[in-house]
C-alpha atoms as a PDB file:
ATOM      1  CA  MET A   1      23.224  25.191 -23.247  1.00  0.00           C
ATOM      2  CA  GLU A   2      23.437  28.980 -23.278  1.00  0.00           C
ATOM      3  CA  ILE A   3      26.045  31.250 -21.723  1.00  0.00           C
ATOM      4  CA  LEU A   4      25.072  34.863 -21.042  1.00  0.00           C
ATOM      5  CA  GLY A   5      22.151  34.442 -23.405  1.00  0.00           C
ATOM      6  CA  LEU A   6      24.326  33.252 -26.311  1.00  0.00           C
ATOM      7  CA  PRO A   7      23.910  29.791 -27.852  1.00  0.00           C
ATOM      8  CA  GLU A   8      26.652  27.234 -27.357  1.00  0.00           C
ATOM      9  CA  GLY A   9      29.270  27.513 -30.092  1.00  0.00           C
ATOM     10  CA  PHE A  10      28.530  31.183 -30.748  1.00  0.00           C
ATOM     11  CA  GLN A  11      31.634  33.235 -31.550  1.00  0.00           C
ATOM     12  CA  THR A  12      32.006  36.966 -31.267  1.00  0.00           C
ATOM     13  CA  GLN A  13      33.441  38.956 -34.167  1.00  0.00           C
ATOM     14  CA  GLN A  14      36.709  39.216 -32.228  1.00  0.00           C
ATOM     15  CA  GLN A  15      36.871  35.440 -31.759  1.00  0.00           C
ATOM     16  CA  ARG A  16      36.112  34.812 -35.437  1.00  0.00           C
ATOM     17  CA  GLN A  17      38.824  37.281 -36.398  1.00  0.00           C
ATOM     18  CA  ARG A  18      41.356  35.642 -34.100  1.00  0.00           C
ATOM     19  CA  ALA A  19      40.571  32.189 -35.532  1.00  0.00           C
ATOM     20  CA  ALA A  20      40.915  33.497 -39.093  1.00  0.00           C
ATOM     21  CA  ASP A  21      44.196  35.225 -38.192  1.00  0.00           C
ATOM     22  CA  GLN A  22      45.560  32.004 -36.705  1.00  0.00           C
ATOM     23  CA  SER A  23      44.616  29.943 -39.757  1.00  0.00           C
ATOM     24  CA  LEU A  24      46.273  32.478 -42.040  1.00  0.00           C
ATOM     25  CA  GLN A  25      49.421  32.500 -39.904  1.00  0.00           C
ATOM     26  CA  ASP A  26      49.553  28.696 -39.930  1.00  0.00           C
ATOM     27  CA  VAL A  27      49.323  28.468 -43.714  1.00  0.00           C
ATOM     28  CA  PHE A  28      51.755  31.269 -44.532  1.00  0.00           C
ATOM     29  CA  SER A  29      54.233  30.009 -41.954  1.00  0.00           C
ATOM     30  CA  GLN A  30      54.247  26.794 -43.990  1.00  0.00           C
ATOM     31  CA  VAL A  31      54.708  28.772 -47.209  1.00  0.00           C
ATOM     32  CA  LEU A  32      57.604  30.699 -45.679  1.00  0.00           C
ATOM     33  CA  ALA A  33      59.197  27.547 -44.269  1.00  0.00           C
ATOM     34  CA  GLU A  34      59.246  26.068 -47.771  1.00  0.00           C
ATOM     35  CA  SER A  35      61.238  29.145 -48.837  1.00  0.00           C
ATOM     36  CA  GLY A  36      63.653  29.032 -45.913  1.00  0.00           C
ATOM     37  CA  HIS A  37      62.048  31.827 -43.888  1.00  0.00           C
ATOM     38  CA  ALA A  38      60.725  31.746 -40.336  1.00  0.00           C
ATOM     39  CA  GLY A  39      57.002  32.260 -39.913  1.00  0.00           C
ATOM     40  CA  TYR A  40      55.048  32.697 -36.705  1.00  0.00           C
ATOM     41  CA  ARG A  41      56.402  31.078 -33.557  1.00  0.00           C
ATOM     42  CA  THR A  42      52.781  30.462 -32.614  1.00  0.00           C
ATOM     43  CA  SER A  43      51.882  28.700 -35.873  1.00  0.00           C
ATOM     44  CA  GLN A  44      50.466  25.187 -35.890  1.00  0.00           C
ATOM     45  CA  PRO A  45      51.140  22.455 -38.502  1.00  0.00           C
ATOM     46  CA  VAL A  46      48.832  22.475 -41.505  1.00  0.00           C
ATOM     47  CA  ASP A  47      47.098  19.456 -43.028  1.00  0.00           C
ATOM     48  CA  PRO A  48      49.760  17.580 -45.050  1.00  0.00           C
ATOM     49  CA  ASP A  49      47.067  15.907 -47.167  1.00  0.00           C
ATOM     50  CA  VAL A  50      45.791  19.192 -48.615  1.00  0.00           C
ATOM     51  CA  ALA A  51      47.817  20.991 -51.287  1.00  0.00           C
ATOM     52  CA  THR A  52      49.448  24.154 -49.958  1.00  0.00           C
ATOM     53  CA  ASP A  53      48.130  26.348 -52.770  1.00  0.00           C
ATOM     54  CA  GLN A  54      44.604  25.203 -51.930  1.00  0.00           C
ATOM     55  CA  GLN A  55      45.176  26.034 -48.263  1.00  0.00           C
ATOM     56  CA  VAL A  56      46.495  29.464 -49.230  1.00  0.00           C
ATOM     57  CA  GLN A  57      43.314  30.190 -51.178  1.00  0.00           C
ATOM     58  CA  THR A  58      40.998  28.895 -48.458  1.00  0.00           C
ATOM     59  CA  ALA A  59      42.768  30.720 -45.633  1.00  0.00           C
ATOM     60  CA  TRP A  60      42.790  33.957 -47.637  1.00  0.00           C
ATOM     61  CA  ASP A  61      39.113  33.698 -48.591  1.00  0.00           C
ATOM     62  CA  ASP A  62      38.042  32.921 -45.030  1.00  0.00           C
ATOM     63  CA  TRP A  63      40.203  35.658 -43.510  1.00  0.00           C
ATOM     64  CA  PHE A  64      39.027  38.329 -45.932  1.00  0.00           C
ATOM     65  CA  SER A  65      35.390  37.383 -45.410  1.00  0.00           C
ATOM     66  CA  VAL A  66      35.777  37.981 -41.671  1.00  0.00           C
ATOM     67  CA  THR A  67      38.017  41.041 -41.969  1.00  0.00           C
ATOM     68  CA  MET A  68      35.772  42.673 -44.579  1.00  0.00           C
ATOM     69  CA  GLN A  69      33.316  43.384 -41.770  1.00  0.00           C
ATOM     70  CA  GLY A  70      36.001  45.525 -40.144  1.00  0.00           C
ATOM     71  CA  SER A  71      38.939  47.272 -41.797  1.00  0.00           C
ATOM     72  CA  TYR A  72      37.948  46.479 -45.398  1.00  0.00           C
ATOM     73  CA  ARG A  73      34.294  47.451 -45.167  1.00  0.00           C
ATOM     74  CA  THR A  74      34.861  50.850 -46.825  1.00  0.00           C
ATOM     75  CA  LEU A  75      36.582  49.461 -49.920  1.00  0.00           C
ATOM     76  CA  GLU A  76      34.924  49.770 -53.294  1.00  0.00           C
ATOM     77  CA  SER A  77      34.162  46.333 -54.829  1.00  0.00           C
ATOM     78  CA  PRO A  78      35.771  44.335 -51.995  1.00  0.00           C
ATOM     79  CA  GLN A  79      34.823  40.941 -53.452  1.00  0.00           C
ATOM     80  CA  ASP A  80      36.556  41.800 -56.719  1.00  0.00           C
ATOM     81  CA  LEU A  81      39.649  42.889 -54.812  1.00  0.00           C
ATOM     82  CA  LYS A  82      39.545  39.702 -52.750  1.00  0.00           C
ATOM     83  CA  GLN A  83      39.515  37.557 -55.887  1.00  0.00           C
ATOM     84  CA  LYS A  84      42.311  39.474 -57.610  1.00  0.00           C
ATOM     85  CA  TYR A  85      44.647  39.418 -54.601  1.00  0.00           C
ATOM     86  CA  GLY A  86      43.913  35.720 -54.171  1.00  0.00           C
ATOM     87  CA  GLU A  87      45.081  35.220 -57.749  1.00  0.00           C
ATOM     88  CA  VAL A  88      48.287  37.145 -56.970  1.00  0.00           C
ATOM     89  CA  LEU A  89      48.895  34.942 -53.915  1.00  0.00           C
ATOM     90  CA  ASN A  90      48.451  31.742 -55.897  1.00  0.00           C
ATOM     91  CA  GLN A  91      50.684  33.002 -58.688  1.00  0.00           C
ATOM     92  CA  ALA A  92      53.292  33.968 -56.095  1.00  0.00           C
ATOM     93  CA  TYR A  93      53.225  30.500 -54.562  1.00  0.00           C
ATOM     94  CA  ARG A  94      53.369  28.685 -57.909  1.00  0.00           C
ATOM     95  CA  GLU A  95      56.297  30.794 -59.121  1.00  0.00           C
ATOM     96  CA  GLY A  96      58.326  30.588 -55.911  1.00  0.00           C
ATOM     97  CA  ALA A  97      58.001  34.300 -55.221  1.00  0.00           C
ATOM     98  CA  TYR A  98      58.724  33.912 -51.508  1.00  0.00           C
ATOM     99  CA  LEU A  99      62.328  33.092 -52.383  1.00  0.00           C
ATOM    100  CA  ASP A 100      62.746  36.351 -54.315  1.00  0.00           C
ATOM    101  CA  PRO A 101      59.736  38.620 -53.742  1.00  0.00           C
ATOM    102  CA  LYS A 102      61.233  41.713 -55.362  1.00  0.00           C
ATOM    103  CA  SER A 103      61.769  39.945 -58.683  1.00  0.00           C
ATOM    104  CA  PHE A 104      58.205  38.648 -58.604  1.00  0.00           C
ATOM    105  CA  LEU A 105      56.750  42.065 -57.799  1.00  0.00           C
ATOM    106  CA  ALA A 106      58.803  43.597 -60.612  1.00  0.00           C
ATOM    107  CA  ARG A 107      57.088  41.242 -63.071  1.00  0.00           C
ATOM    108  CA  LEU A 108      53.559  42.124 -61.995  1.00  0.00           C
ATOM    109  CA  SER A 109      51.411  44.336 -64.173  1.00  0.00           C
ATOM    110  CA  SER A 110      50.509  47.822 -62.994  1.00  0.00           C
ATOM    111  CA  ASP A 111      46.955  46.584 -62.362  1.00  0.00           C
ATOM    112  CA  ASP A 112      48.192  43.769 -60.126  1.00  0.00           C
ATOM    113  CA  LEU A 113      50.481  46.147 -58.230  1.00  0.00           C
ATOM    114  CA  GLN A 114      47.462  48.370 -57.670  1.00  0.00           C
ATOM    115  CA  VAL A 115      45.603  45.395 -56.211  1.00  0.00           C
ATOM    116  CA  VAL A 116      48.495  44.724 -53.831  1.00  0.00           C
ATOM    117  CA  GLN A 117      48.615  48.402 -52.892  1.00  0.00           C
ATOM    118  CA  ASP A 118      44.885  48.489 -52.160  1.00  0.00           C
ATOM    119  CA  ILE A 119      44.870  45.283 -50.104  1.00  0.00           C
ATOM    120  CA  GLN A 120      47.863  46.409 -48.051  1.00  0.00           C
ATOM    121  CA  ARG A 121      46.317  49.872 -47.624  1.00  0.00           C
ATOM    122  CA  LEU A 122      49.426  51.649 -48.913  1.00  0.00           C
ATOM    123  CA  GLY A 123      49.172  55.374 -49.518  1.00  0.00           C
ATOM    124  CA  ASP A 124      51.754  55.546 -52.311  1.00  0.00           C
ATOM    125  CA  PRO A 125      52.331  53.436 -55.442  1.00  0.00           C
ATOM    126  CA  ILE A 126      54.729  50.538 -54.936  1.00  0.00           C
ATOM    127  CA  ASP A 127      58.334  51.321 -55.869  1.00  0.00           C
ATOM    128  CA  VAL A 128      59.672  47.782 -56.140  1.00  0.00           C
ATOM    129  CA  GLN A 129      63.334  48.728 -56.429  1.00  0.00           C
ATOM    130  CA  GLY A 130      63.145  50.789 -53.258  1.00  0.00           C
ATOM    131  CA  LEU A 131      61.808  47.938 -51.122  1.00  0.00           C
ATOM    132  CA  SER A 132      63.721  45.996 -48.504  1.00  0.00           C
ATOM    133  CA  ASP A 133      63.541  42.199 -48.544  1.00  0.00           C
ATOM    134  CA  GLU A 134      61.098  42.245 -45.635  1.00  0.00           C
ATOM    135  CA  GLY A 135      58.999  45.029 -47.110  1.00  0.00           C
ATOM    136  CA  ALA A 136      58.677  43.159 -50.405  1.00  0.00           C
ATOM    137  CA  LEU A 137      57.978  39.785 -48.812  1.00  0.00           C
ATOM    138  CA  ASN A 138      55.159  41.107 -46.659  1.00  0.00           C
ATOM    139  CA  LEU A 139      53.358  42.598 -49.653  1.00  0.00           C
ATOM    140  CA  LEU A 140      52.771  38.989 -50.727  1.00  0.00           C
ATOM    141  CA  ILE A 141      51.369  38.021 -47.327  1.00  0.00           C
ATOM    142  CA  PRO A 142      47.975  39.135 -45.974  1.00  0.00           C
ATOM    143  CA  ARG A 143      48.393  41.604 -43.137  1.00  0.00           C
ATOM    144  CA  ALA A 144      47.531  39.266 -40.261  1.00  0.00           C
ATOM    145  CA  ALA A 145      50.329  36.856 -41.231  1.00  0.00           C
ATOM    146  CA  GLN A 146      53.107  39.336 -42.053  1.00  0.00           C
ATOM    147  CA  VAL A 147      56.433  38.677 -40.358  1.00  0.00           C
ATOM    148  CA  ASP A 148      59.308  40.486 -38.697  1.00  0.00           C
ATOM    149  CA  LEU A 149      61.898  38.957 -40.999  1.00  0.00           C
ATOM    150  CA  ASN A 150      65.017  40.687 -39.669  1.00  0.00           C
ATOM    151  CA  GLY A 151      64.150  40.623 -35.964  1.00  0.00           C
ATOM    152  CA  ASP A 152      64.221  44.381 -35.410  1.00  0.00           C
ATOM    153  CA  GLY A 153      60.887  44.287 -33.564  1.00  0.00           C
ATOM    154  CA  LEU A 154      58.984  46.035 -36.355  1.00  0.00           C
ATOM    155  CA  THR A 155      56.963  44.550 -39.205  1.00  0.00           C
ATOM    156  CA  GLN A 156      57.654  46.252 -42.516  1.00  0.00           C
ATOM    157  CA  SER A 157      55.133  46.107 -45.355  1.00  0.00           C
ATOM    158  CA  GLY A 158      56.163  48.026 -48.433  1.00  0.00           C
ATOM    159  CA  LYS A 159      58.155  50.951 -47.074  1.00  0.00           C
ATOM    160  CA  GLY A 160      56.052  51.384 -43.957  1.00  0.00           C
ATOM    161  CA  TYR A 161      56.798  50.015 -40.495  1.00  0.00           C
ATOM    162  CA  GLY A 162      54.168  48.666 -38.140  1.00  0.00           C
ATOM    163  CA  ILE A 163      54.258  47.994 -34.410  1.00  0.00           C
ATOM    164  CA  ARG A 164      52.487  44.752 -33.543  1.00  0.00           C
ATOM    165  CA  PHE A 165      52.009  42.700 -30.456  1.00  0.00           C
ATOM    166  CA  PRO A 166      51.985  39.787 -30.548  1.00  0.00           C
ATOM    167  CA  ASP A 167      54.107  39.644 -33.686  1.00  0.00           C
ATOM    168  CA  SER A 168      55.683  36.751 -35.566  1.00  0.00           C
ATOM    169  CA  ARG A 169      58.497  36.418 -33.009  1.00  0.00           C
ATOM    170  CA  THR A 170      56.375  36.416 -29.849  1.00  0.00           C
ATOM    171  CA  PRO A 171      56.709  33.099 -27.966  1.00  0.00           C
ATOM    172  CA  GLN A 172      53.604  30.909 -27.755  1.00  0.00           C
ATOM    173  CA  PRO A 173      53.105  31.153 -23.954  1.00  0.00           C
ATOM    174  CA  VAL A 174      53.331  34.945 -24.089  1.00  0.00           C
ATOM    175  CA  ALA A 175      50.869  35.162 -26.979  1.00  0.00           C
ATOM    176  CA  ASP A 176      48.463  32.815 -25.181  1.00  0.00           C
ATOM    177  CA  ALA A 177      48.578  34.986 -22.063  1.00  0.00           C
ATOM    178  CA  TRP A 178      47.997  38.095 -24.156  1.00  0.00           C
ATOM    179  CA  TYR A 179      44.930  36.728 -25.930  1.00  0.00           C
ATOM    180  CA  GLU A 180      43.469  35.475 -22.660  1.00  0.00           C
ATOM    181  CA  THR A 181      43.925  38.931 -21.150  1.00  0.00           C
ATOM    182  CA  THR A 182      42.571  40.943 -24.084  1.00  0.00           C
ATOM    183  CA  ASP A 183      39.595  38.732 -24.910  1.00  0.00           C
ATOM    184  CA  GLY A 184      36.576  41.007 -25.215  1.00  0.00           C
ATOM    185  CA  MET A 185      38.571  44.244 -25.272  1.00  0.00           C
ATOM    186  CA  SER A 186      37.928  46.844 -27.961  1.00  0.00           C
ATOM    187  CA  TRP A 187      40.439  47.437 -30.742  1.00  0.00           C
ATOM    188  CA  GLY A 188      41.352  50.796 -29.234  1.00  0.00           C
ATOM    189  CA  GLU A 189      42.032  49.330 -25.803  1.00  0.00           C
ATOM    190  CA  GLN A 190      44.190  46.588 -27.288  1.00  0.00           C
ATOM    191  CA  ALA A 191      46.154  49.070 -29.399  1.00  0.00           C
ATOM    192  CA  HIS A 192      46.884  51.134 -26.280  1.00  0.00           C
ATOM    193  CA  TYR A 193      48.402  48.180 -24.446  1.00  0.00           C
ATOM    194  CA  GLN A 194      50.125  46.794 -27.548  1.00  0.00           C
ATOM    195  CA  LEU A 195      52.103  50.018 -27.811  1.00  0.00           C
ATOM    196  CA  GLN A 196      53.044  49.806 -24.142  1.00  0.00           C
ATOM    197  CA  MET A 197      54.247  46.222 -24.609  1.00  0.00           C
ATOM    198  CA  LYS A 198      56.619  47.534 -27.272  1.00  0.00           C
ATOM    199  CA  MET A 199      58.005  50.363 -25.143  1.00  0.00           C
ATOM    200  CA  PRO A 200      61.266  48.468 -24.415  1.00  0.00           C
ATOM    201  CA  LEU A 201      61.963  48.519 -28.166  1.00  0.00           C
ATOM    202  CA  LEU A 202      61.109  52.183 -28.565  1.00  0.00           C
ATOM    203  CA  THR A 203      62.977  53.475 -25.514  1.00  0.00           C
ATOM    204  CA  ALA A 204      66.081  51.388 -26.275  1.00  0.00           C
ATOM    205  CA  ASN A 205      66.728  53.499 -29.360  1.00  0.00           C
ATOM    206  CA  PHE A 206      66.531  56.919 -27.732  1.00  0.00           C
ATOM    207  CA  VAL A 207      69.756  58.398 -26.377  1.00  0.00           C
ATOM    208  CA  PHE A 208      69.844  60.953 -23.567  1.00  0.00           C
ATOM    209  CA  ASP A 209      72.722  63.116 -22.390  1.00  0.00           C
ATOM    210  CA  GLU A 210      74.164  63.263 -18.879  1.00  0.00           C
ATOM    211  CA  SER A 211      71.479  65.701 -17.745  1.00  0.00           C
ATOM    212  CA  GLY A 212      68.717  63.376 -18.928  1.00  0.00           C
ATOM    213  CA  ALA A 213      67.776  65.520 -21.919  1.00  0.00           C
ATOM    214  CA  TYR A 214      67.045  63.962 -25.298  1.00  0.00           C
ATOM    215  CA  SER A 215      70.148  63.764 -27.492  1.00  0.00           C
ATOM    216  CA  HIS A 216      69.258  61.656 -30.525  1.00  0.00           C
ATOM    217  CA  HIS A 217      67.687  58.388 -31.575  1.00  0.00           C
ATOM    218  CA  TYR A 218      68.353  55.487 -33.909  1.00  0.00           C
ATOM    219  CA  GLU A 219      66.014  54.405 -36.672  1.00  0.00           C
ATOM    220  CA  PRO A 220      65.388  50.997 -38.268  1.00  0.00           C
ATOM    221  CA  GLY A 221      68.295  50.180 -40.537  1.00  0.00           C
ATOM    222  CA  ASP A 222      70.828  52.144 -38.492  1.00  0.00           C
ATOM    223  CA  PRO A 223      73.722  49.944 -37.306  1.00  0.00           C
ATOM    224  CA  GLU A 224      73.040  51.021 -33.715  1.00  0.00           C
ATOM    225  CA  PHE A 225      69.324  50.170 -33.801  1.00  0.00           C
ATOM    226  CA  ARG A 226      68.583  47.366 -31.363  1.00  0.00           C
ATOM    227  CA  ASN A 227      65.658  45.218 -30.331  1.00  0.00           C
ATOM    228  CA  PRO A 228      66.015  44.288 -26.651  1.00  0.00           C
ATOM    229  CA  MET A 229      63.003  41.976 -26.921  1.00  0.00           C
ATOM    230  CA  GLU A 230      65.183  39.567 -28.926  1.00  0.00           C
ATOM    231  CA  GLU A 231      68.141  39.741 -26.554  1.00  0.00           C
ATOM    232  CA  ASP A 232      69.061  37.103 -23.988  1.00  0.00           C
ATOM    233  CA  GLY A 233      67.508  37.750 -20.620  1.00  0.00           C
ATOM    234  CA  PHE A 234      64.577  39.816 -21.854  1.00  0.00           C
ATOM    235  CA  SER A 235      61.537  39.331 -19.616  1.00  0.00           C
ATOM    236  CA  TYR A 236      57.917  39.738 -20.704  1.00  0.00           C
ATOM    237  CA  PHE A 237      56.939  39.175 -17.092  1.00  0.00           C
ATOM    238  CA  GLY A 238      59.279  42.036 -16.239  1.00  0.00           C
ATOM    239  CA  ILE A 239      57.221  44.401 -18.396  1.00  0.00           C
ATOM    240  CA  THR A 240      54.201  43.791 -16.181  1.00  0.00           C
ATOM    241  CA  GLU A 241      56.303  44.354 -13.065  1.00  0.00           C
ATOM    242  CA  ASP A 242      57.651  47.617 -14.474  1.00  0.00           C
ATOM    243  CA  MET A 243      54.197  48.856 -15.482  1.00  0.00           C
ATOM    244  CA  LEU A 244      52.643  48.014 -12.117  1.00  0.00           C
ATOM    245  CA  GLY A 245      55.578  49.695 -10.385  1.00  0.00           C
ATOM    246  CA  TYR A 246      55.104  52.800 -12.515  1.00  0.00           C
ATOM    247  CA  LEU A 247      51.387  52.916 -11.729  1.00  0.00           C
ATOM    248  CA  ASP A 248      52.064  52.591  -8.019  1.00  0.00           C
ATOM    249  CA  ALA A 249      54.736  55.298  -8.067  1.00  0.00           C
ATOM    250  CA  PHE A 250      52.568  57.807  -9.951  1.00  0.00           C
ATOM    251  CA  LYS A 251      49.171  56.799  -8.589  1.00  0.00           C
ATOM    252  CA  ASN A 252      48.395  60.290  -7.302  1.00  0.00           C
ATOM    253  CA  GLN A 253      49.119  61.825 -10.718  1.00  0.00           C
ATOM    254  CA  ILE A 254      46.995  59.429 -12.777  1.00  0.00           C
ATOM    255  CA  ASP A 255      43.262  59.714 -13.365  1.00  0.00           C
ATOM    256  CA  PRO A 256      41.655  57.256 -10.894  1.00  0.00           C
ATOM    257  CA  GLU A 257      39.630  55.470 -13.583  1.00  0.00           C
ATOM    258  CA  GLN A 258      42.678  55.097 -15.819  1.00  0.00           C
ATOM    259  CA  TYR A 259      44.720  53.902 -12.861  1.00  0.00           C
ATOM    260  CA  GLN A 260      42.135  51.231 -12.094  1.00  0.00           C
ATOM    261  CA  ARG A 261      41.878  50.089 -15.727  1.00  0.00           C
ATOM    262  CA  ASP A 262      45.637  49.884 -16.166  1.00  0.00           C
ATOM    263  CA  THR A 263      46.243  48.173 -12.845  1.00  0.00           C
ATOM    264  CA  THR A 264      43.572  45.603 -13.632  1.00  0.00           C
ATOM    265  CA  PHE A 265      45.027  44.946 -17.084  1.00  0.00           C
ATOM    266  CA  TRP A 266      48.662  44.554 -16.042  1.00  0.00           C
ATOM    267  CA  SER A 267      47.751  42.450 -13.011  1.00  0.00           C
ATOM    268  CA  LYS A 268      45.633  40.160 -15.175  1.00  0.00           C
ATOM    269  CA  LEU A 269      48.345  39.854 -17.820  1.00  0.00           C
ATOM    270  CA  GLN A 270      50.913  39.095 -15.136  1.00  0.00           C
ATOM    271  CA  ALA A 271      48.715  36.340 -13.708  1.00  0.00           C
ATOM    272  CA  ASN A 272      48.056  34.870 -17.160  1.00  0.00           C
ATOM    273  CA  LEU A 273      51.762  34.906 -17.992  1.00  0.00           C
ATOM    274  CA  ALA A 274      52.467  33.005 -14.783  1.00  0.00           C
ATOM    275  CA  GLU A 275      49.730  30.477 -15.577  1.00  0.00           C
ATOM    276  CA  ASN A 276      51.381  29.907 -18.952  1.00  0.00           C
ATOM    277  CA  GLY A 277      54.771  29.347 -17.349  1.00  0.00           C
ATOM    278  CA  VAL A 278      56.256  32.793 -17.994  1.00  0.00           C
ATOM    279  CA  THR A 279      57.622  34.108 -14.707  1.00  0.00           C
ATOM    280  CA  ALA A 280      61.012  35.509 -15.679  1.00  0.00           C
END
């Protein structure tokens, strides 16, 4: 049987990447659970009959092989880097590094730290003592499985913060609806809507004066910094309602093609959320 000219069982690069991401998240969620940390809410149980260190190696090898066709394709000697980071991951698991990642990183040689820096695409050398617990932990996790350890809505790797959606704290039904909606979309299109999904987090930390002018903002680590997406009563369905309301209100000021694209996206996401039981 063929669908749209493609043989049955054929997977696109995006589908292969998603499957590799999921496998990596499953395995490292198990690794983190063994160390008392929460992994991905969307993770699935791993095979209890296969040693965890073996699953770490397999998931890493498979993920890198798929990802190398994308973000790692410009690296020099990628296979060598893949092997060396795999060795760091296995050493980290054997030595219990996920309980105390900073101590483990401090024991690594300068060559191994360079490997970690290259894999994580960090611009500056790793200053272990200056890392937060989350920033250190995520250096020992491949990028697709890194976690928002402190629940601030951002994923820190090294000293840098990343905005992701879905992230490790996204509920399963919401993530399912997202992947159904974005299937087949380009990376750029997905990134555009990912940022919009995180707007409640970003806007919650900007403060305006009585006239509506910008006053100041809070940054991660500030006592006042808040993540409304982790608060009781937060509604993912409500984001779609807000976005569709915004598009309707400013329809005459938005490029017609952009208006149509955005309306189609948010309507589709809203429908998929409802189909997955997310209506509030």
